[in-house]
Each structure stands twice: as C-alpha cells, then as structure tokens.
Amino acid sequence: MVNEVDSMRMAADLRACLGPLVRRLRQVRPDGELTLSQTSVLVRIDREGPTTPGRLADAEGIRAQSMCTIVSALQERGLVVRSPDPDDGRRVVVSLTAAGVEGLHGARRERARRLTRAIDDELSAAEREQLAAALPLLARVVHRL
C-alpha cells in the first residue's frame, strides 16, 4: 500500500522524469525550425482559433510589444496572417495560414518520430506494454492538475 510519503516521492520522481522529457522534445528543432515562443503562439492559435495580439500576449504572459515581434516574425515566414477585426476595425486578428498549420504539424510529427524511436530502441516489448498501461493513469493525473 502506498502511503503519503511514498506518494510524495512518486510525484517528485515523476516530475524529475517528465521535466527532462518535455524539455528535450521542445529542443527538437530541424533546420529553420521556430523558436519555442513562436511555436507556443502557433499552438495557441491552432487550439483557440484566431485572436488579437493583445489576447495572445496576455495568454502567453508577455508584453504586447514582444508579442508583436513574434507575430511579425511568423507573418514574415507566411505562417500567420493579420486581418481587420470584424468587431473593432482598430484591432487586427491573427490566424494561421495553411503553411502555419503544416509547419506546426510537421514539428509535432518530428517530435513524435524521435520519441517513438527512443521508445522502440530503449524499451523491451514488455516495458512498452507497461508504459502503454500507465498512459491513461498519467492522463488522469494531468487532468487533475
């Protein structure tokens, strides 16, 4: 039976294991890949839909000027487009272009490919089954956070 001390140790071990996993996956950048900030903005627009730079800045916890720099860089690469806000002509709305969607999905595919290769190279078939069985449990824990 797992007691509170064991649960705390498990939580610490899980953080110590998953933290580097997430950081390493974020570091995967093929040539010409976007910065972490640029990728984060694309992911947010992909999930939440077109939005204003101000809302993006608030959601990302950065200054509006910094967000304008990020959006401009993404626009120069053809990954986002700015258009007039239909509700307020003084504002603009940022949305993904087809190239932005493809770039985002391409980066995800590369990360998935690398993680798949690491799992296949490092784990036995029995260990892969254990990992697969643990995934729903991890998803429940993440949902609870």
Protein backbone atom coordinates (compact mmCIF):
# COMPACT_ATOMS: atom_id res chain seq x y z
CA MET A 1 0.00 0.00 0.00
CA VAL A 2 1.28 3.45 -0.94
CA ASN A 3 1.34 5.98 1.90
CA GLU A 4 1.58 9.78 1.72
CA VAL A 5 5.40 9.80 1.86
CA ASP A 6 5.56 7.29 -0.98
CA SER A 7 3.09 9.38 -3.00
CA MET A 8 5.20 12.50 -2.46
CA ARG A 9 8.33 10.63 -3.56
CA MET A 10 6.49 9.29 -6.60
CA ALA A 11 5.35 12.82 -7.51
CA ALA A 12 8.92 14.11 -7.20
CA ASP A 13 10.27 11.20 -9.28
CA LEU A 14 7.60 11.76 -11.92
CA ARG A 15 8.48 15.46 -12.19
CA ALA A 16 12.18 14.62 -12.34
CA CYS A 17 11.50 12.16 -15.17
CA LEU A 18 8.96 14.08 -17.22
CA GLY A 19 10.60 17.51 -16.94
CA PRO A 20 13.66 16.49 -18.99
CA LEU A 21 11.43 14.61 -21.45
CA VAL A 22 9.39 17.72 -22.17
CA ARG A 23 12.49 19.93 -22.37
CA ARG A 24 14.23 17.56 -24.78
CA LEU A 25 11.19 17.32 -27.00
CA ARG A 26 10.95 21.11 -27.07
CA GLN A 27 14.59 21.30 -28.12
CA VAL A 28 13.94 19.19 -31.22
CA ARG A 29 14.29 21.75 -33.97
CA PRO A 30 15.02 20.74 -37.54
CA ASP A 31 16.79 23.35 -39.65
CA GLY A 32 14.74 26.54 -39.84
CA GLU A 33 12.50 25.42 -37.00
CA LEU A 34 10.66 28.01 -34.99
CA THR A 35 11.65 29.28 -31.56
CA LEU A 36 9.79 27.99 -28.53
CA SER A 37 7.87 31.28 -28.25
CA GLN A 38 6.85 31.18 -31.90
CA THR A 39 5.75 27.57 -31.62
CA SER A 40 3.77 28.34 -28.48
CA VAL A 41 1.89 31.11 -30.29
CA LEU A 42 1.11 28.84 -33.24
CA VAL A 43 -0.13 26.10 -30.90
CA ARG A 44 -2.35 28.57 -29.05
CA ILE A 45 -3.89 29.92 -32.28
CA ASP A 46 -4.35 26.36 -33.55
CA ARG A 47 -6.19 25.35 -30.34
CA GLU A 48 -8.16 28.52 -29.65
CA GLY A 49 -8.66 29.98 -33.10
CA PRO A 50 -7.94 33.44 -34.50
CA THR A 51 -7.31 36.09 -31.88
CA THR A 52 -5.79 39.51 -31.31
CA PRO A 53 -2.10 40.05 -30.50
CA GLY A 54 -3.17 41.56 -27.15
CA ARG A 55 -5.05 38.43 -26.15
CA LEU A 56 -2.11 36.31 -27.27
CA ALA A 57 0.27 38.40 -25.15
CA ASP A 58 -1.98 38.05 -22.11
CA ALA A 59 -2.35 34.30 -22.61
CA GLU A 60 1.40 33.83 -23.06
CA GLY A 61 2.24 36.11 -20.15
CA ILE A 62 4.41 38.50 -22.16
CA ARG A 63 4.33 42.18 -23.12
CA ALA A 64 2.30 43.27 -26.12
CA GLN A 65 5.47 44.61 -27.81
CA SER A 66 7.12 41.20 -27.52
CA MET A 67 4.06 39.53 -29.00
CA CYS A 68 4.09 41.97 -31.92
CA THR A 69 7.69 40.93 -32.63
CA ILE A 70 6.73 37.25 -32.55
CA VAL A 71 3.66 37.75 -34.74
CA SER A 72 5.71 39.80 -37.24
CA ALA A 73 8.32 37.04 -37.49
CA LEU A 74 5.58 34.44 -38.03
CA GLN A 75 3.93 36.64 -40.64
CA GLU A 76 7.25 37.11 -42.49
CA ARG A 77 7.54 33.33 -42.70
CA GLY A 78 3.99 33.09 -44.05
CA LEU A 79 2.73 31.14 -41.03
CA VAL A 80 0.13 33.65 -39.82
CA VAL A 81 -1.88 36.40 -41.38
CA ARG A 82 -3.24 39.57 -39.82
CA SER A 83 -6.67 40.78 -40.85
CA PRO A 84 -9.01 43.50 -39.57
CA ASP A 85 -11.06 42.56 -36.52
CA PRO A 86 -14.69 42.36 -37.73
CA ASP A 87 -15.88 43.66 -34.33
CA ASP A 88 -13.41 46.54 -33.99
CA GLY A 89 -11.69 47.96 -37.08
CA ARG A 90 -8.90 49.43 -34.94
CA ARG A 91 -7.64 45.96 -34.00
CA VAL A 92 -6.26 43.08 -36.01
CA VAL A 93 -6.90 39.37 -35.70
CA VAL A 94 -4.10 36.86 -36.14
CA SER A 95 -4.89 33.50 -37.72
CA LEU A 96 -2.90 30.56 -39.05
CA THR A 97 -2.21 30.14 -42.74
CA ALA A 98 -2.13 26.72 -44.39
CA ALA A 99 1.68 26.88 -44.16
CA GLY A 100 1.37 27.65 -40.43
CA VAL A 101 -0.81 24.62 -39.83
CA GLU A 102 1.56 22.41 -41.84
CA GLY A 103 4.63 23.79 -40.06
CA LEU A 104 3.07 23.17 -36.68
CA HIS A 105 2.02 19.65 -37.58
CA GLY A 106 5.41 18.94 -39.15
CA ALA A 107 7.18 19.86 -35.91
CA ARG A 108 4.79 17.63 -33.98
CA ARG A 109 5.47 14.75 -36.37
CA GLU A 110 9.23 15.16 -35.88
CA ARG A 111 8.89 15.14 -32.10
CA ALA A 112 6.63 12.08 -32.28
CA ARG A 113 9.11 10.32 -34.59
CA ARG A 114 12.00 10.95 -32.20
CA LEU A 115 10.03 9.82 -29.16
CA THR A 116 8.83 6.70 -30.98
CA ARG A 117 12.39 5.83 -31.96
CA ALA A 118 13.61 6.29 -28.38
CA ILE A 119 10.82 4.09 -27.01
CA ASP A 120 11.46 1.38 -29.61
CA ASP A 121 15.24 1.47 -29.12
CA GLU A 122 15.23 1.61 -25.31
CA LEU A 123 12.29 -0.49 -24.13
CA SER A 124 11.52 -4.18 -24.44
CA ALA A 125 8.11 -5.30 -25.65
CA ALA A 126 7.02 -5.94 -22.06
CA GLU A 127 8.25 -2.50 -20.98
CA ARG A 128 6.37 -0.86 -23.86
CA GLU A 129 3.21 -2.61 -22.65
CA GLN A 130 3.81 -1.27 -19.13
CA LEU A 131 4.28 2.24 -20.50
CA ALA A 132 1.10 1.94 -22.58
CA ALA A 133 -0.82 0.79 -19.50
CA ALA A 134 0.49 3.78 -17.48
CA LEU A 135 -0.55 6.42 -20.04
CA PRO A 136 -4.25 6.57 -19.05
CA LEU A 137 -3.16 6.97 -15.42
CA LEU A 138 -0.83 9.83 -16.33
CA ALA A 139 -3.59 11.47 -18.36
CA ARG A 140 -5.90 11.33 -15.33
CA VAL A 141 -3.23 12.91 -13.12
CA VAL A 142 -2.57 15.66 -15.66
CA HIS A 143 -6.30 16.34 -15.96
CA ARG A 144 -6.48 16.78 -12.17
CA LEU A 145 -3.69 19.40 -12.03
